[in-house]
Amino acid sequence: MTTTQHPANARKAVSYFFILLGIASGAWAARIPAVKHTLHLSDGQLSYGLLATAVGLITGMRFAGHLTDRLGSARLITPAAIATALSVIPPGYATTLPTLIAALFLFGLTNAFLDVSMNAHGVEVERAYGRPIMSSFHGMFSIGCLTGAAIGGLFAWLDLSAATTLTAVGLPLALICPYARRHLLTTPPPKTPTPHHDRTRAPWTS
């Protein structure tokens, strides 16, 4: 097993992708009030934008599983992560409700592909470890959410725009992805029979 194939390195890489999704989600959530104020949206109008995220997620989930099976989680996870990190930026630059809806649909769509592929790769890493570690990945997502919300809150306190916040968050997250990719398991570990009573289903992170 090479260095890039070492389960410990792969675990750190997958943890980063979970953190990435958490930070992006937390930062966006923290700047929703700023976007609402900038676009002069009512509560009802804002709900259409937020609904677009859910529609994007549902749409992406219809294809993410099939694409992950076809390409392999190691090949899909990095472009999905880069797309998610970059797609958190456009909502901050939206100038109208329709553009906000389009931007949030895209964010939800990329989120779905990252969610499915990183969970699938997490299962592969867990199998290589030979013991349950999925809970640690979902813990990283929670840490990411807290971190992203804290960053968003700090930028709001500094009276910086949502666009500045989301750009400052999204670009660095995207730039780190190729480095994390080097440590993923390029060859999935062999499947081993699992007793029926030990089988668990990994929950979604979002």
Protein backbone atom coordinates (compact mmCIF):
# COMPACT_ATOMS: atom_id res chain seq x y z
CA MET A 1 0.00 0.00 0.00
CA THR A 2 1.49 3.35 -1.06
CA THR A 3 1.52 6.53 0.98
CA THR A 4 -1.49 7.90 -0.85
CA GLN A 5 -3.29 4.64 -0.20
CA HIS A 6 -2.72 4.69 3.55
CA PRO A 7 -6.07 4.65 5.39
CA ALA A 8 -4.91 7.27 7.90
CA ASN A 9 -4.11 9.73 5.10
CA ALA A 10 -7.35 8.92 3.33
CA ARG A 11 -9.25 9.51 6.57
CA LYS A 12 -7.74 13.00 6.87
CA ALA A 13 -8.61 13.75 3.24
CA VAL A 14 -12.24 12.66 3.62
CA SER A 15 -12.46 14.60 6.88
CA TYR A 16 -11.39 17.72 4.97
CA PHE A 17 -14.20 17.29 2.44
CA PHE A 18 -16.74 16.94 5.25
CA ILE A 19 -15.32 20.08 6.88
CA LEU A 20 -15.47 21.90 3.53
CA LEU A 21 -19.18 21.23 3.14
CA GLY A 22 -19.78 22.28 6.73
CA ILE A 23 -17.85 25.54 6.39
CA ALA A 24 -19.58 26.47 3.13
CA SER A 25 -23.00 25.71 4.59
CA GLY A 26 -22.31 27.53 7.86
CA ALA A 27 -20.88 30.63 6.18
CA TRP A 28 -23.85 30.87 3.82
CA ALA A 29 -26.34 30.44 6.66
CA ALA A 30 -24.67 33.21 8.63
CA ARG A 31 -24.95 35.67 5.73
CA ILE A 32 -28.57 34.98 4.76
CA PRO A 33 -29.81 38.08 6.67
CA ALA A 34 -27.30 40.25 4.80
CA VAL A 35 -28.42 38.89 1.42
CA LYS A 36 -32.05 39.40 2.36
CA HIS A 37 -31.35 43.00 3.37
CA THR A 38 -29.28 43.77 0.26
CA LEU A 39 -31.94 42.45 -2.10
CA HIS A 40 -34.81 43.94 -0.06
CA LEU A 41 -36.58 40.58 0.10
CA SER A 42 -39.63 39.78 2.15
CA ASP A 43 -39.73 36.60 4.22
CA GLY A 44 -41.84 34.97 1.54
CA GLN A 45 -39.47 35.94 -1.26
CA LEU A 46 -36.47 34.68 0.69
CA SER A 47 -38.21 31.34 1.18
CA TYR A 48 -38.26 30.85 -2.60
CA GLY A 49 -34.51 31.24 -2.67
CA LEU A 50 -33.99 28.81 0.19
CA LEU A 51 -36.38 26.35 -1.45
CA ALA A 52 -34.15 26.42 -4.53
CA THR A 53 -31.34 24.90 -2.46
CA ALA A 54 -33.55 21.98 -1.50
CA VAL A 55 -34.67 21.51 -5.10
CA GLY A 56 -31.03 21.47 -6.19
CA LEU A 57 -30.25 18.86 -3.54
CA ILE A 58 -33.12 16.63 -4.58
CA THR A 59 -32.20 16.97 -8.25
CA GLY A 60 -28.56 16.17 -7.57
CA MET A 61 -29.38 13.16 -5.42
CA ARG A 62 -31.21 11.61 -8.39
CA PHE A 63 -27.95 11.40 -10.33
CA ALA A 64 -25.16 11.51 -7.73
CA GLY A 65 -25.44 7.88 -6.68
CA HIS A 66 -25.37 6.57 -10.24
CA LEU A 67 -22.42 8.81 -11.16
CA THR A 68 -20.52 7.77 -8.04
CA ASP A 69 -21.02 4.11 -8.90
CA ARG A 70 -19.97 4.69 -12.49
CA LEU A 71 -16.89 6.86 -11.92
CA GLY A 72 -15.92 5.83 -8.41
CA SER A 73 -16.07 8.08 -5.37
CA ALA A 74 -12.35 8.96 -5.59
CA ARG A 75 -12.81 10.45 -9.06
CA LEU A 76 -16.01 12.36 -8.29
CA ILE A 77 -15.34 13.73 -4.82
CA THR A 78 -12.72 16.35 -5.77
CA PRO A 79 -14.55 18.06 -8.66
CA ALA A 80 -17.72 17.95 -6.58
CA ALA A 81 -15.91 19.57 -3.65
CA ILE A 82 -14.36 22.28 -5.83
CA ALA A 83 -17.75 22.98 -7.40
CA THR A 84 -19.38 23.20 -3.97
CA ALA A 85 -16.72 25.55 -2.62
CA LEU A 86 -17.05 27.84 -5.64
CA SER A 87 -20.84 27.66 -5.88
CA VAL A 88 -21.22 29.15 -2.39
CA ILE A 89 -19.87 32.41 -3.82
CA PRO A 90 -22.56 33.44 -6.39
CA PRO A 91 -25.40 33.84 -3.84
CA GLY A 92 -23.43 36.69 -2.31
CA TYR A 93 -23.34 38.50 -5.66
CA ALA A 94 -27.01 37.96 -6.58
CA THR A 95 -28.74 41.19 -7.57
CA THR A 96 -32.30 39.94 -7.98
CA LEU A 97 -34.47 37.18 -6.58
CA PRO A 98 -34.26 35.10 -9.80
CA THR A 99 -30.46 35.21 -9.79
CA LEU A 100 -30.44 34.24 -6.12
CA ILE A 101 -32.74 31.31 -6.86
CA ALA A 102 -30.46 30.16 -9.69
CA ALA A 103 -27.35 30.50 -7.53
CA LEU A 104 -28.86 28.57 -4.62
CA PHE A 105 -30.13 25.83 -6.93
CA LEU A 106 -26.56 25.40 -8.16
CA PHE A 107 -25.25 25.32 -4.59
CA GLY A 108 -27.75 22.62 -3.68
CA LEU A 109 -26.92 20.62 -6.80
CA THR A 110 -23.16 20.57 -6.17
CA ASN A 111 -23.79 19.91 -2.49
CA ALA A 112 -25.64 16.70 -3.40
CA PHE A 113 -22.78 15.34 -5.51
CA LEU A 114 -20.26 16.08 -2.78
CA ASP A 115 -22.49 14.65 -0.07
CA VAL A 116 -22.96 11.32 -1.85
CA SER A 117 -19.38 10.89 -3.08
CA MET A 118 -17.69 11.78 0.22
CA ASN A 119 -20.00 9.48 2.19
CA ALA A 120 -19.29 6.68 -0.29
CA HIS A 121 -15.55 7.22 0.05
CA GLY A 122 -15.93 7.40 3.80
CA VAL A 123 -17.41 3.90 3.68
CA GLU A 124 -14.37 2.71 1.70
CA VAL A 125 -11.99 4.26 4.22
CA GLU A 126 -13.98 2.73 7.07
CA ARG A 127 -13.69 -0.68 5.41
CA ALA A 128 -9.92 -0.21 5.09
CA TYR A 129 -9.73 0.69 8.78
CA GLY A 130 -11.70 -2.36 9.75
CA ARG A 131 -13.68 -0.51 12.41
CA PRO A 132 -16.48 2.10 12.52
CA ILE A 133 -15.25 5.66 11.87
CA MET A 134 -18.15 7.24 9.96
CA SER A 135 -19.29 9.13 13.06
CA SER A 136 -15.97 11.00 13.09
CA PHE A 137 -16.59 12.21 9.53
CA HIS A 138 -20.01 13.54 10.44
CA GLY A 139 -18.45 15.18 13.47
CA MET A 140 -16.08 17.00 11.09
CA PHE A 141 -19.10 18.29 9.19
CA SER A 142 -20.52 19.73 12.43
CA ILE A 143 -17.18 21.35 13.25
CA GLY A 144 -17.16 22.82 9.76
CA CYS A 145 -20.64 24.27 10.24
CA LEU A 146 -19.58 25.95 13.48
CA THR A 147 -16.42 27.28 11.84
CA GLY A 148 -18.28 28.62 8.82
CA ALA A 149 -20.91 30.29 11.00
CA ALA A 150 -18.17 31.87 13.11
CA ILE A 151 -16.41 33.20 10.01
CA GLY A 152 -19.69 34.56 8.68
CA GLY A 153 -20.45 36.18 12.01
CA LEU A 154 -17.00 37.75 12.16
CA PHE A 155 -17.33 39.23 8.68
CA ALA A 156 -20.78 40.54 9.56
CA TRP A 157 -19.37 42.15 12.72
CA LEU A 158 -16.67 43.77 10.58
CA ASP A 159 -19.50 45.10 8.35
CA LEU A 160 -18.17 43.27 5.29
CA SER A 161 -20.56 42.19 2.56
CA ALA A 162 -21.92 38.71 2.01
CA ALA A 163 -20.09 38.62 -1.32
CA THR A 164 -16.76 39.30 0.40
CA THR A 165 -17.50 36.70 3.05
CA LEU A 166 -18.43 33.91 0.68
CA THR A 167 -15.53 34.65 -1.67
CA ALA A 168 -13.07 34.60 1.23
CA VAL A 169 -14.50 31.24 2.29
CA GLY A 170 -15.03 29.54 -1.07
CA LEU A 171 -11.76 30.23 -2.86
CA PRO A 172 -9.37 28.84 -0.20
CA LEU A 173 -11.57 25.78 0.28
CA ALA A 174 -11.43 25.07 -3.46
CA LEU A 175 -7.66 25.55 -3.65
CA ILE A 176 -6.99 22.94 -0.96
CA CYS A 177 -9.04 20.24 -2.71
CA PRO A 178 -6.35 19.03 -5.16
CA TYR A 179 -3.96 18.45 -2.25
CA ALA A 180 -6.55 16.45 -0.32
CA ARG A 181 -7.28 14.42 -3.46
CA ARG A 182 -3.75 12.98 -3.43
CA HIS A 183 -4.52 11.02 -0.27
CA LEU A 184 -7.79 9.38 -1.32
CA LEU A 185 -8.01 5.62 -1.81
CA THR A 186 -7.55 5.18 -5.56
CA THR A 187 -8.27 1.45 -5.24
CA PRO A 188 -11.19 0.57 -2.95
CA PRO A 189 -10.35 -2.07 -0.33
CA PRO A 190 -11.88 -5.50 -0.93
CA LYS A 191 -15.36 -5.99 0.44
CA THR A 192 -15.60 -8.30 3.41
CA PRO A 193 -18.75 -10.12 4.55
CA THR A 194 -20.49 -8.25 7.34
CA PRO A 195 -22.83 -9.98 9.82
CA HIS A 196 -26.41 -8.88 9.31
CA HIS A 197 -26.72 -7.47 12.83
CA ASP A 198 -23.65 -5.24 12.36
CA ARG A 199 -24.83 -3.53 9.19
CA THR A 200 -25.43 0.19 9.55
CA ARG A 201 -26.50 2.86 7.15
CA ALA A 202 -24.40 6.02 7.07
CA PRO A 203 -26.59 9.11 7.54
CA TRP A 204 -26.49 12.06 5.21
CA THR A 205 -24.46 15.06 6.37
CA SER A 206 -26.95 17.62 5.22
